[in-house]
Amino acid sequence: MSVIAFNNANLVARVTDYKFEMKHWGEQHAQTVTPTDEKEWAAICQEIANCGYKAVEVWAAHADPSVMNEAKATLWRRILEDYGLTPIGYAGGLSESTARICQWMGIPAANGGLWGTDLETVQRLCDENNLFFNYENHPEKSVAEILEKIGGGSERIGVCIDSGWLGTQGVDAVDAVTQLGTLVRHVHVKDVKATGGHETCPLGEGVVNLVGMIDALKAQGYSGDWSWEDEPEDRNPFDIAISSKDWIQTRL
């Protein structure tokens, strides 16, 4: 049964008191890795659980290969379980090191780009580790570009639709999921204020036809999970975490 997950990438600005610029994402990631110790991970999990979520998509900065080993990953998984949270995805690329983290934490899929790797390697890692990889659209301005990135897809390689980035690039969300069909294996439910920019906003208040997209996915039998994603540059996403979950649930 599909679930609504909290995407931990929402907390990209947490380390700088919810003030950052999207172009500095890499710096935010780097600054987040070390401070995410056992106490901080537990605090994050508790806040997510307090908002009524039962699942998370683990942002790579919270479980970065540079600081993770099997013991730490096992501890991270136990803390998730302590707060009643199931890890349904790893929000980052798939590599030898992230595949190990997914195995240790019981994460079934990695969602992200082909950062520093290639499709052949990703397919091998999926096959060897019984994992799935869902390519997340960002720069693509057409469905054809997305399909090219995944070589048409396979049983283990599909698409993680990021509705916010569709809005940023001016791609119609309903048309995109309709064309991709069963290749859509995961969804980041996100809204943005305007095409051409990536300023996130509460669901239903931006330019993305989210209701139409969800309806189209339901009509074609989509059974994957839904991650609420909102990476604000100047506000705390927990302020709208409950209402966002409820917004998605109502449309499902």
Protein backbone atom coordinates (compact mmCIF):
# COMPACT_ATOMS: atom_id res chain seq x y z
CA MET A 1 0.00 0.00 0.00
CA SER A 2 1.37 3.42 -0.94
CA VAL A 3 2.24 5.93 1.77
CA ILE A 4 2.81 9.66 2.13
CA ALA A 5 6.40 10.24 3.19
CA PHE A 6 8.24 13.24 4.56
CA ASN A 7 11.23 14.00 2.32
CA ASN A 8 14.10 14.95 4.62
CA ALA A 9 15.58 17.16 1.91
CA ASN A 10 12.93 19.60 3.14
CA LEU A 11 15.41 20.33 5.92
CA VAL A 12 18.19 21.57 3.65
CA ALA A 13 18.10 24.97 5.38
CA ARG A 14 17.81 23.64 8.95
CA VAL A 15 21.55 23.95 9.62
CA THR A 16 21.47 27.68 8.78
CA ASP A 17 18.25 28.47 10.66
CA TYR A 18 16.16 28.23 7.49
CA LYS A 19 18.03 30.83 5.51
CA PHE A 20 19.85 29.82 2.33
CA GLU A 21 19.82 30.18 -1.46
CA MET A 22 19.00 27.25 -3.72
CA LYS A 23 22.23 27.74 -5.67
CA HIS A 24 24.14 26.88 -2.48
CA TRP A 25 22.52 23.44 -2.07
CA GLY A 26 25.87 21.65 -2.12
CA GLU A 27 27.21 23.84 0.68
CA GLN A 28 24.10 23.18 2.77
CA HIS A 29 24.56 19.46 2.23
CA ALA A 30 28.18 19.61 3.37
CA GLN A 31 27.29 21.67 6.45
CA THR A 32 24.53 19.22 7.40
CA VAL A 33 26.59 16.02 7.37
CA THR A 34 28.66 16.45 10.56
CA PRO A 35 25.99 18.02 12.82
CA THR A 36 23.62 15.14 12.08
CA ASP A 37 24.64 13.05 15.05
CA GLU A 38 22.50 10.58 16.97
CA LYS A 39 20.78 13.33 18.98
CA GLU A 40 19.98 15.41 15.90
CA TRP A 41 18.74 12.41 13.91
CA ALA A 42 16.41 11.47 16.77
CA ALA A 43 15.15 15.06 17.00
CA ILE A 44 14.41 15.12 13.27
CA CYS A 45 12.60 11.80 13.43
CA GLN A 46 10.55 12.93 16.41
CA GLU A 47 9.44 16.14 14.67
CA ILE A 48 8.44 14.20 11.56
CA ALA A 49 6.49 11.66 13.62
CA ASN A 50 4.82 14.44 15.60
CA CYS A 51 3.41 15.72 12.30
CA GLY A 52 1.71 12.38 11.70
CA TYR A 53 4.02 10.92 9.07
CA LYS A 54 4.71 7.20 9.10
CA ALA A 55 7.39 7.17 6.42
CA VAL A 56 10.44 9.16 5.36
CA GLU A 57 12.62 9.56 2.30
CA VAL A 58 16.09 9.85 3.82
CA TRP A 59 18.05 12.82 2.45
CA ALA A 60 21.62 11.88 1.60
CA ALA A 61 23.09 14.57 3.89
CA HIS A 62 21.48 12.86 6.89
CA ALA A 63 23.10 9.52 5.97
CA ASP A 64 26.14 10.54 3.95
CA PRO A 65 28.58 7.83 2.83
CA SER A 66 31.50 9.83 4.26
CA VAL A 67 30.28 9.29 7.81
CA MET A 68 28.13 6.15 7.64
CA ASN A 69 29.11 2.60 8.48
CA GLU A 70 27.02 -0.47 9.20
CA ALA A 71 26.80 0.21 12.94
CA LYS A 72 25.68 3.80 12.47
CA ALA A 73 23.22 2.90 9.74
CA THR A 74 21.74 0.21 11.98
CA LEU A 75 21.38 2.80 14.75
CA TRP A 76 19.72 5.24 12.34
CA ARG A 77 17.26 2.52 11.35
CA ARG A 78 16.49 1.69 14.98
CA ILE A 79 15.78 5.36 15.72
CA LEU A 80 13.41 5.48 12.76
CA GLU A 81 11.64 2.43 14.14
CA ASP A 82 11.48 4.00 17.60
CA TYR A 83 9.40 6.81 16.11
CA GLY A 84 7.26 4.55 13.94
CA LEU A 85 8.90 5.67 10.68
CA THR A 86 9.59 3.50 7.64
CA PRO A 87 12.37 4.55 5.22
CA ILE A 88 10.89 4.24 1.74
CA GLY A 89 13.66 5.90 -0.27
CA TYR A 90 17.16 7.37 -0.24
CA ALA A 91 17.13 10.90 -1.64
CA GLY A 92 20.46 10.80 -3.44
CA GLY A 93 22.26 9.03 -6.24
CA LEU A 94 23.01 5.33 -6.40
CA SER A 95 26.65 4.30 -5.99
CA GLU A 96 28.54 1.45 -4.33
CA SER A 97 28.50 3.38 -1.04
CA THR A 98 24.87 4.51 -1.12
CA ALA A 99 23.78 1.00 -2.11
CA ARG A 100 25.40 -0.26 1.09
CA ILE A 101 23.57 2.39 3.13
CA CYS A 102 20.28 1.33 1.55
CA GLN A 103 21.00 -2.29 2.44
CA TRP A 104 21.97 -1.47 6.03
CA MET A 105 18.94 0.77 6.60
CA GLY A 106 16.42 -1.37 4.75
CA ILE A 107 15.74 1.28 2.11
CA PRO A 108 14.30 -0.25 -1.08
CA ALA A 109 15.03 2.51 -3.60
CA ALA A 110 17.33 5.43 -4.37
CA ASN A 111 15.78 8.50 -5.99
CA GLY A 112 17.98 11.06 -7.66
CA GLY A 113 20.18 11.87 -10.64
CA LEU A 114 23.02 10.08 -12.36
CA TRP A 115 25.54 12.06 -10.39
CA GLY A 116 29.05 10.73 -10.96
CA THR A 117 27.83 7.45 -12.41
CA ASP A 118 26.18 5.97 -15.47
CA LEU A 119 23.11 3.91 -16.30
CA GLU A 120 25.03 0.65 -16.69
CA THR A 121 26.52 0.96 -13.20
CA VAL A 122 23.14 1.86 -11.71
CA GLN A 123 21.53 -1.18 -13.33
CA ARG A 124 24.29 -3.43 -11.98
CA LEU A 125 23.94 -2.04 -8.46
CA CYS A 126 20.18 -2.51 -8.57
CA ASP A 127 20.54 -6.13 -9.71
CA GLU A 128 23.29 -7.00 -7.23
CA ASN A 129 21.60 -5.40 -4.23
CA ASN A 130 17.93 -6.00 -5.03
CA LEU A 131 17.34 -2.24 -5.17
CA PHE A 132 15.36 0.12 -7.38
CA PHE A 133 16.52 3.42 -8.83
CA ASN A 134 14.17 6.20 -9.86
CA TYR A 135 15.62 9.02 -11.92
CA GLU A 136 14.50 12.40 -10.58
CA ASN A 137 13.84 15.08 -13.20
CA HIS A 138 15.44 18.49 -12.64
CA PRO A 139 16.87 20.16 -15.78
CA GLU A 140 14.76 18.26 -18.32
CA LYS A 141 12.30 20.32 -20.33
CA SER A 142 10.51 17.37 -21.95
CA VAL A 143 9.50 13.79 -21.33
CA ALA A 144 11.80 12.73 -24.16
CA GLU A 145 14.80 14.08 -22.22
CA ILE A 146 13.76 12.16 -19.11
CA LEU A 147 13.38 8.93 -21.08
CA GLU A 148 16.77 9.44 -22.67
CA LYS A 149 18.41 9.70 -19.24
CA ILE A 150 17.09 6.26 -18.23
CA GLY A 151 17.47 4.57 -21.60
CA GLY A 152 13.74 3.93 -21.72
CA GLY A 153 13.70 2.42 -18.24
CA SER A 154 13.67 -1.17 -17.01
CA GLU A 155 12.15 -3.33 -14.32
CA ARG A 156 14.42 -1.75 -11.70
CA ILE A 157 14.99 1.69 -13.23
CA GLY A 158 12.11 4.11 -13.44
CA VAL A 159 11.27 7.75 -12.82
CA CYS A 160 10.79 9.77 -9.68
CA ILE A 161 8.60 12.63 -10.84
CA ASP A 162 9.49 15.92 -9.15
CA SER A 163 6.41 18.02 -9.85
CA GLY A 164 8.11 21.19 -8.66
CA TRP A 165 10.90 20.88 -11.20
CA LEU A 166 8.32 20.16 -13.91
CA GLY A 167 6.77 23.50 -12.96
CA THR A 168 10.14 25.24 -12.98
CA GLN A 169 10.92 23.92 -16.47
CA GLY A 170 7.44 24.64 -17.82
CA VAL A 171 6.55 20.96 -18.37
CA ASP A 172 2.87 20.07 -17.97
CA ALA A 173 2.66 17.63 -15.05
CA VAL A 174 -0.44 15.80 -16.31
CA ASP A 175 1.04 15.29 -19.75
CA ALA A 176 4.36 14.14 -18.27
CA VAL A 177 2.94 11.40 -16.04
CA THR A 178 0.55 10.29 -18.77
CA GLN A 179 3.39 9.86 -21.27
CA LEU A 180 5.65 8.13 -18.75
CA GLY A 181 2.90 5.77 -17.61
CA THR A 182 4.14 2.85 -15.54
CA LEU A 183 7.70 4.19 -15.56
CA VAL A 184 6.60 6.60 -12.80
CA ARG A 185 7.62 4.65 -9.70
CA HIS A 186 7.86 7.47 -7.13
CA VAL A 187 6.52 11.02 -6.84
CA HIS A 188 7.85 14.14 -5.14
CA VAL A 189 4.75 16.25 -4.58
CA LYS A 190 5.99 19.83 -4.71
CA ASP A 191 4.66 23.18 -5.91
CA VAL A 192 6.55 26.28 -7.06
CA LYS A 193 5.43 29.88 -7.33
CA ALA A 194 6.41 30.49 -10.95
CA THR A 195 7.85 28.86 -14.06
CA GLY A 196 11.50 29.70 -14.50
CA GLY A 197 12.21 29.77 -10.78
CA HIS A 198 12.24 27.22 -7.99
CA GLU A 199 10.70 29.06 -5.07
CA THR A 200 8.57 26.44 -3.35
CA CYS A 201 5.17 27.17 -1.83
CA PRO A 202 2.27 25.36 -0.14
CA LEU A 203 0.67 22.70 -2.31
CA GLY A 204 -2.03 24.04 -4.59
CA GLU A 205 -0.85 27.64 -4.38
CA GLY A 206 1.67 27.51 -7.22
CA VAL A 207 1.76 26.89 -10.96
CA VAL A 208 1.80 23.07 -10.95
CA ASN A 209 -1.45 21.26 -11.74
CA LEU A 210 -1.04 18.89 -8.81
CA VAL A 211 -4.67 17.81 -8.62
CA GLY A 212 -4.65 16.90 -12.31
CA MET A 213 -1.34 15.07 -11.92
CA ILE A 214 -2.56 13.02 -8.95
CA ASP A 215 -5.82 12.20 -10.74
CA ALA A 216 -3.90 11.10 -13.84
CA LEU A 217 -1.61 8.87 -11.79
CA LYS A 218 -4.55 7.30 -9.98
CA ALA A 219 -6.35 6.71 -13.28
CA GLN A 220 -3.38 4.80 -14.68
CA GLY A 221 -3.08 2.63 -11.57
CA TYR A 222 -0.10 4.24 -9.87
CA SER A 223 0.68 2.29 -6.68
CA GLY A 224 3.96 3.86 -5.60
CA ASP A 225 4.64 6.17 -2.68
CA TRP A 226 4.25 9.94 -2.47
CA SER A 227 6.89 12.14 -0.84
CA TRP A 228 5.93 15.63 0.23
CA GLU A 229 8.78 17.91 -0.78
CA ASP A 230 9.21 21.59 0.04
CA GLU A 231 12.70 23.07 0.38
CA PRO A 232 12.01 26.64 1.49
CA GLU A 233 14.83 29.16 1.55
CA ASP A 234 13.42 31.37 4.30
CA ARG A 235 10.94 29.42 6.45
CA ASN A 236 10.60 26.24 8.48
CA PRO A 237 8.83 23.53 6.43
CA PHE A 238 7.53 21.90 9.61
CA ASP A 239 5.11 24.84 9.85
CA ILE A 240 3.12 23.37 6.95
CA ALA A 241 4.07 19.70 7.26
CA ILE A 242 0.72 18.58 8.70
CA SER A 243 -1.41 20.60 6.30
CA SER A 244 0.67 19.35 3.35
CA LYS A 245 0.21 15.72 4.34
CA ASP A 246 -3.52 16.31 4.76
CA TRP A 247 -3.68 18.07 1.37
CA ILE A 248 -2.17 15.05 -0.37
CA GLN A 249 -4.28 12.57 1.60
CA THR A 250 -7.48 14.37 0.68
CA ARG A 251 -6.65 14.11 -3.03
CA LEU A 252 -5.81 10.43 -2.73
